[in-house]
N, C-alpha and C. Protein backbone atom coordinates (compact mmCIF):
# COMPACT_ATOMS: atom_id res chain seq x y z
N UNK A 1 0.85 -1.15 0.01
CA UNK A 1 0.02 0.04 0.02
C UNK A 1 0.87 1.23 -0.02
N UNK A 2 1.95 1.29 0.84
CA UNK A 2 2.81 2.42 0.87
C UNK A 2 3.44 2.63 -0.48
N UNK A 3 3.84 1.52 -1.12
CA UNK A 3 4.53 1.66 -2.41
C UNK A 3 3.63 2.21 -3.49
N UNK A 4 2.36 1.84 -3.46
CA UNK A 4 1.35 2.43 -4.37
C UNK A 4 1.21 3.95 -4.20
N UNK A 5 1.16 4.38 -2.94
CA UNK A 5 1.02 5.82 -2.57
C UNK A 5 2.24 6.57 -3.08
N UNK A 6 3.45 6.03 -2.77
CA UNK A 6 4.72 6.65 -3.22
C UNK A 6 4.75 6.75 -4.72
N UNK A 7 4.36 5.72 -5.40
CA UNK A 7 4.31 5.67 -6.94
C UNK A 7 3.42 6.77 -7.45
N UNK A 8 2.19 6.90 -6.85
CA UNK A 8 1.32 7.95 -7.27
C UNK A 8 1.83 9.40 -7.09
N UNK A 9 2.56 9.51 -5.93
CA UNK A 9 3.17 10.81 -5.61
C UNK A 9 4.20 11.18 -6.70
N UNK A 10 5.04 10.23 -6.99
CA UNK A 10 6.11 10.40 -8.05
C UNK A 10 5.45 10.70 -9.39
N UNK A 11 4.46 9.89 -9.75
CA UNK A 11 3.78 10.12 -11.05
C UNK A 11 3.13 11.47 -11.12
N UNK A 12 2.52 11.96 -10.12
CA UNK A 12 1.90 13.26 -10.04
C UNK A 12 2.96 14.35 -10.17
N UNK A 13 4.04 14.20 -9.56
CA UNK A 13 5.14 15.20 -9.67
C UNK A 13 5.69 15.19 -11.11
N UNK A 14 5.85 14.01 -11.68
CA UNK A 14 6.38 13.93 -13.05
C UNK A 14 5.44 14.60 -14.03
N UNK A 15 4.10 14.32 -13.85
CA UNK A 15 3.06 14.90 -14.73
C UNK A 15 3.13 16.42 -14.66
N UNK A 16 3.24 16.91 -13.47
CA UNK A 16 3.37 18.38 -13.23
C UNK A 16 4.53 18.97 -14.04
N UNK A 17 5.66 18.31 -13.91
CA UNK A 17 6.93 18.74 -14.70
C UNK A 17 6.70 18.66 -16.13
N UNK A 18 6.12 17.65 -16.59
CA UNK A 18 5.94 17.49 -18.03
C UNK A 18 5.01 18.58 -18.56
N UNK A 19 3.92 18.82 -17.83
CA UNK A 19 3.09 19.90 -18.30
C UNK A 19 3.75 21.30 -18.37
N UNK A 20 4.50 21.55 -17.33
CA UNK A 20 5.28 22.84 -17.28
C UNK A 20 6.19 22.94 -18.50
N UNK A 21 6.91 21.81 -18.78
CA UNK A 21 7.88 21.75 -19.83
C UNK A 21 7.12 22.00 -21.17
N UNK A 22 5.98 21.35 -21.38
CA UNK A 22 5.27 21.50 -22.55
C UNK A 22 4.78 22.92 -22.79
N UNK A 23 4.45 23.61 -21.70
CA UNK A 23 4.02 24.98 -21.87
C UNK A 23 5.18 25.90 -22.28
N UNK A 24 6.40 25.65 -21.72
CA UNK A 24 7.52 26.44 -22.07
C UNK A 24 7.92 26.17 -23.50
N UNK A 25 7.89 24.87 -23.95
CA UNK A 25 8.20 24.56 -25.40
C UNK A 25 7.20 25.22 -26.30
N UNK A 26 5.99 25.41 -25.90
CA UNK A 26 4.94 25.96 -26.74
C UNK A 26 5.16 27.54 -26.79
N UNK A 27 6.06 28.07 -25.93
CA UNK A 27 6.33 29.50 -25.88
C UNK A 27 5.22 30.26 -25.20
N UNK A 28 4.52 29.67 -24.24
CA UNK A 28 3.38 30.35 -23.62
C UNK A 28 3.78 30.74 -22.18
N UNK A 29 3.38 31.83 -21.79
CA UNK A 29 3.59 32.25 -20.37
C UNK A 29 2.40 31.70 -19.55
N UNK A 30 2.45 31.83 -18.26
CA UNK A 30 1.33 31.30 -17.34
C UNK A 30 0.06 32.11 -17.78
N UNK A 31 0.13 33.46 -17.89
CA UNK A 31 -1.05 34.25 -18.14
C UNK A 31 -1.68 33.89 -19.50
N UNK A 32 -0.92 33.69 -20.48
CA UNK A 32 -1.45 33.36 -21.85
C UNK A 32 -2.11 32.03 -21.83
N UNK A 33 -1.42 31.00 -21.24
CA UNK A 33 -2.03 29.66 -21.21
C UNK A 33 -3.33 29.69 -20.34
N UNK A 34 -3.26 30.40 -19.27
CA UNK A 34 -4.46 30.44 -18.39
C UNK A 34 -5.65 31.13 -19.13
N UNK A 35 -5.32 32.17 -19.87
CA UNK A 35 -6.40 32.85 -20.61
C UNK A 35 -6.99 31.94 -21.73
N UNK A 36 -6.17 31.17 -22.42
CA UNK A 36 -6.68 30.21 -23.36
C UNK A 36 -7.61 29.19 -22.86
N UNK A 37 -7.34 28.82 -21.59
CA UNK A 37 -8.19 27.81 -20.93
C UNK A 37 -9.38 28.40 -20.14
N UNK A 38 -9.36 29.64 -19.94
CA UNK A 38 -10.38 30.32 -19.15
C UNK A 38 -10.16 29.96 -17.60
N UNK A 39 -8.95 29.68 -17.25
CA UNK A 39 -8.50 29.38 -15.88
C UNK A 39 -7.84 30.56 -15.21
N UNK A 40 -7.87 30.63 -13.93
CA UNK A 40 -7.06 31.65 -13.23
C UNK A 40 -5.54 31.26 -13.35
N UNK A 41 -4.75 32.26 -13.30
CA UNK A 41 -3.30 32.05 -13.35
C UNK A 41 -2.81 31.16 -12.25
N UNK A 42 -3.47 31.43 -11.02
CA UNK A 42 -3.15 30.57 -9.83
C UNK A 42 -3.42 29.10 -10.03
N UNK A 43 -4.48 28.79 -10.64
CA UNK A 43 -4.90 27.37 -10.92
C UNK A 43 -3.81 26.65 -11.74
N UNK A 44 -3.41 27.31 -12.85
CA UNK A 44 -2.39 26.71 -13.64
C UNK A 44 -0.98 26.63 -12.95
N UNK A 45 -0.69 27.60 -12.20
CA UNK A 45 0.55 27.61 -11.43
C UNK A 45 0.53 26.45 -10.37
N UNK A 46 -0.58 26.24 -9.77
CA UNK A 46 -0.67 25.15 -8.83
C UNK A 46 -0.48 23.83 -9.51
N UNK A 47 -1.05 23.65 -10.71
CA UNK A 47 -0.77 22.33 -11.46
C UNK A 47 0.70 22.19 -11.58
N UNK A 48 1.40 23.26 -12.09
CA UNK A 48 2.81 23.14 -12.40
C UNK A 48 3.75 22.93 -11.20
N UNK A 49 3.22 23.47 -10.00
CA UNK A 49 4.03 23.41 -8.83
C UNK A 49 3.64 22.11 -8.04
N UNK A 50 2.76 21.29 -8.67
CA UNK A 50 2.36 19.95 -8.04
C UNK A 50 1.58 20.22 -6.73
N UNK A 51 0.81 21.31 -6.67
CA UNK A 51 -0.02 21.61 -5.55
C UNK A 51 -1.47 21.42 -5.83
N UNK A 52 -1.81 20.37 -6.59
CA UNK A 52 -3.19 20.08 -7.02
C UNK A 52 -3.47 18.66 -6.38
N UNK A 53 -4.73 18.37 -6.22
CA UNK A 53 -5.14 17.12 -5.58
C UNK A 53 -5.13 16.06 -6.61
N UNK A 54 -6.19 15.82 -7.19
CA UNK A 54 -6.30 14.67 -8.26
C UNK A 54 -6.55 15.37 -9.65
N UNK A 55 -5.77 15.02 -10.55
CA UNK A 55 -5.91 15.64 -11.95
C UNK A 55 -7.11 15.07 -12.57
N UNK A 56 -7.69 15.91 -13.41
CA UNK A 56 -8.90 15.51 -14.17
C UNK A 56 -8.44 15.18 -15.62
N UNK A 57 -8.69 14.09 -16.13
CA UNK A 57 -8.20 13.80 -17.50
C UNK A 57 -8.51 14.88 -18.50
N UNK A 58 -9.64 15.50 -18.43
CA UNK A 58 -10.04 16.50 -19.44
C UNK A 58 -9.12 17.74 -19.30
N UNK A 59 -8.71 18.03 -17.99
CA UNK A 59 -7.79 19.12 -17.82
C UNK A 59 -6.37 18.85 -18.46
N UNK A 60 -5.94 17.68 -18.29
CA UNK A 60 -4.68 17.29 -18.90
C UNK A 60 -4.72 17.32 -20.39
N UNK A 61 -5.79 16.82 -20.99
CA UNK A 61 -5.97 16.90 -22.47
C UNK A 61 -6.10 18.30 -22.90
N UNK A 62 -6.84 19.17 -22.16
CA UNK A 62 -6.94 20.55 -22.58
C UNK A 62 -5.56 21.32 -22.61
N UNK A 63 -4.76 20.98 -21.61
CA UNK A 63 -3.35 21.56 -21.52
C UNK A 63 -2.59 21.08 -22.66
N UNK A 64 -2.60 19.80 -22.95
CA UNK A 64 -1.82 19.24 -24.13
C UNK A 64 -2.30 19.92 -25.43
N UNK A 65 -3.60 20.12 -25.58
CA UNK A 65 -4.14 20.73 -26.84
C UNK A 65 -3.60 22.15 -26.97
N UNK A 66 -3.66 22.99 -25.94
CA UNK A 66 -3.27 24.35 -26.11
C UNK A 66 -1.77 24.48 -26.26
N UNK A 67 -0.99 23.51 -25.76
CA UNK A 67 0.45 23.51 -25.92
C UNK A 67 0.86 22.88 -27.28
N UNK A 68 -0.18 22.53 -28.11
CA UNK A 68 0.02 21.93 -29.47
C UNK A 68 1.00 20.69 -29.34
N UNK A 69 0.74 19.86 -28.34
CA UNK A 69 1.48 18.64 -28.17
C UNK A 69 1.15 17.69 -29.32
N UNK A 70 2.12 16.92 -29.71
CA UNK A 70 1.86 15.90 -30.73
C UNK A 70 0.98 14.79 -30.11
N UNK A 71 0.43 13.97 -30.99
CA UNK A 71 -0.47 12.88 -30.47
C UNK A 71 0.38 11.95 -29.63
N UNK A 72 1.64 11.77 -29.96
CA UNK A 72 2.49 10.88 -29.20
C UNK A 72 2.70 11.49 -27.80
N UNK A 73 2.94 12.75 -27.76
CA UNK A 73 3.30 13.36 -26.45
C UNK A 73 1.94 13.31 -25.57
N UNK A 74 0.85 13.63 -26.17
CA UNK A 74 -0.47 13.55 -25.50
C UNK A 74 -0.68 12.15 -25.01
N UNK A 75 -0.49 11.17 -25.82
CA UNK A 75 -0.73 9.75 -25.49
C UNK A 75 0.24 9.35 -24.33
N UNK A 76 1.44 9.94 -24.30
CA UNK A 76 2.40 9.57 -23.21
C UNK A 76 1.92 10.13 -21.83
N UNK A 77 1.07 11.10 -21.84
CA UNK A 77 0.53 11.64 -20.53
C UNK A 77 -0.56 10.72 -20.05
N UNK A 78 -1.19 9.93 -20.83
CA UNK A 78 -2.36 9.09 -20.40
C UNK A 78 -1.84 8.07 -19.37
N UNK A 79 -0.77 7.28 -19.69
CA UNK A 79 -0.27 6.32 -18.64
C UNK A 79 0.10 7.06 -17.32
N UNK A 80 0.76 8.13 -17.52
CA UNK A 80 1.14 8.95 -16.35
C UNK A 80 -0.05 9.35 -15.53
N UNK A 81 -1.10 9.80 -16.19
CA UNK A 81 -2.27 10.26 -15.53
C UNK A 81 -2.97 9.01 -14.78
N UNK A 82 -2.97 7.93 -15.39
CA UNK A 82 -3.53 6.69 -14.74
C UNK A 82 -2.65 6.40 -13.47
N UNK A 83 -1.40 6.58 -13.51
CA UNK A 83 -0.52 6.31 -12.29
C UNK A 83 -0.92 7.29 -11.22
N UNK A 84 -1.13 8.48 -11.57
CA UNK A 84 -1.41 9.57 -10.62
C UNK A 84 -2.77 9.26 -9.90
N UNK A 85 -3.79 8.77 -10.63
CA UNK A 85 -5.06 8.57 -10.11
C UNK A 85 -5.01 7.43 -9.10
N UNK A 86 -4.08 6.56 -9.22
CA UNK A 86 -3.86 5.53 -8.18
C UNK A 86 -4.86 4.38 -8.36
N UNK A 87 -4.73 3.38 -7.43
CA UNK A 87 -5.61 2.21 -7.49
C UNK A 87 -7.07 2.51 -7.18
C-alpha cells in the first residue's frame, strides 16, 4: 500500500513537470495559457508546482491541446495520468 502511494506521488510530480515543460516549449507564459483555458493564473501555477489534488483527465488533455502537443506526447501523458489517479 505504501509503495502504491509513493508511486502515485512520483507520477503526479512527473506529470506536473511534463506539463510545465510542454508550456515552455509552446512558448506560452502562465497568463497566456491560463487565458486560453479560461482558468485563473493561480490554478495553472498550482498544477505546475504540483499543488493540486487529483488531476482531471479533461484538464490534462486541454493543456496538451493548447500546448500543441503531438499525438504521441499527449498519449504519453495518459499512462502517467493513470498512475497519478492511483488504484
